[in-house]
Amino acid sequence: QLHLVESGGGLVQPGGSLRLSCAASGFTLDYYAIGWFRQAPGKEREGVSCISGSDGSTYYADSVKGRFTISRDSAKNTVYLQMNSLKPEDTDVYYCAARPRLFSPCVFSSSSYDQWGQGTQVTVSS
């Protein structure tokens, strides 16, 4: 069975940092596009960052560009989202997701992903 498990969320003060992890089992992350999304109650799921399955290119939403960094550790079969200079508006539940096909490019449409983790809460507050 295919599973994605997020971890690393928590409470942090504005300006602080967190690193989220997305660990995969049942498949190798290297060759699939992996996206990070976030969602607040009553709002649509928003694409935050993605690393492609074709060439490892990375993409970021304008709201996080320059503050967040996505990376992949093949040995651990894990994708990370390093989040720096966090703001209160970054408060959300964060999800990682995988696109269904090998070597797939990145897109920020949540409907293009078919494997999802359970989410991890990030709260930025003083």
Foldseek 3Di string as FASTA:
>chain_A
DKAWAKDWADEAAQQAKIKIKIAIDPDAPQFWKKWKWWDDPPDDIWTAKIAFNAPRDIDGDPVQPPFWDWDADRVRSMIMIIGGRDDQVVWTWMKMFTADDTRGGDDTDPVRTDHIHPTDTHGYHD
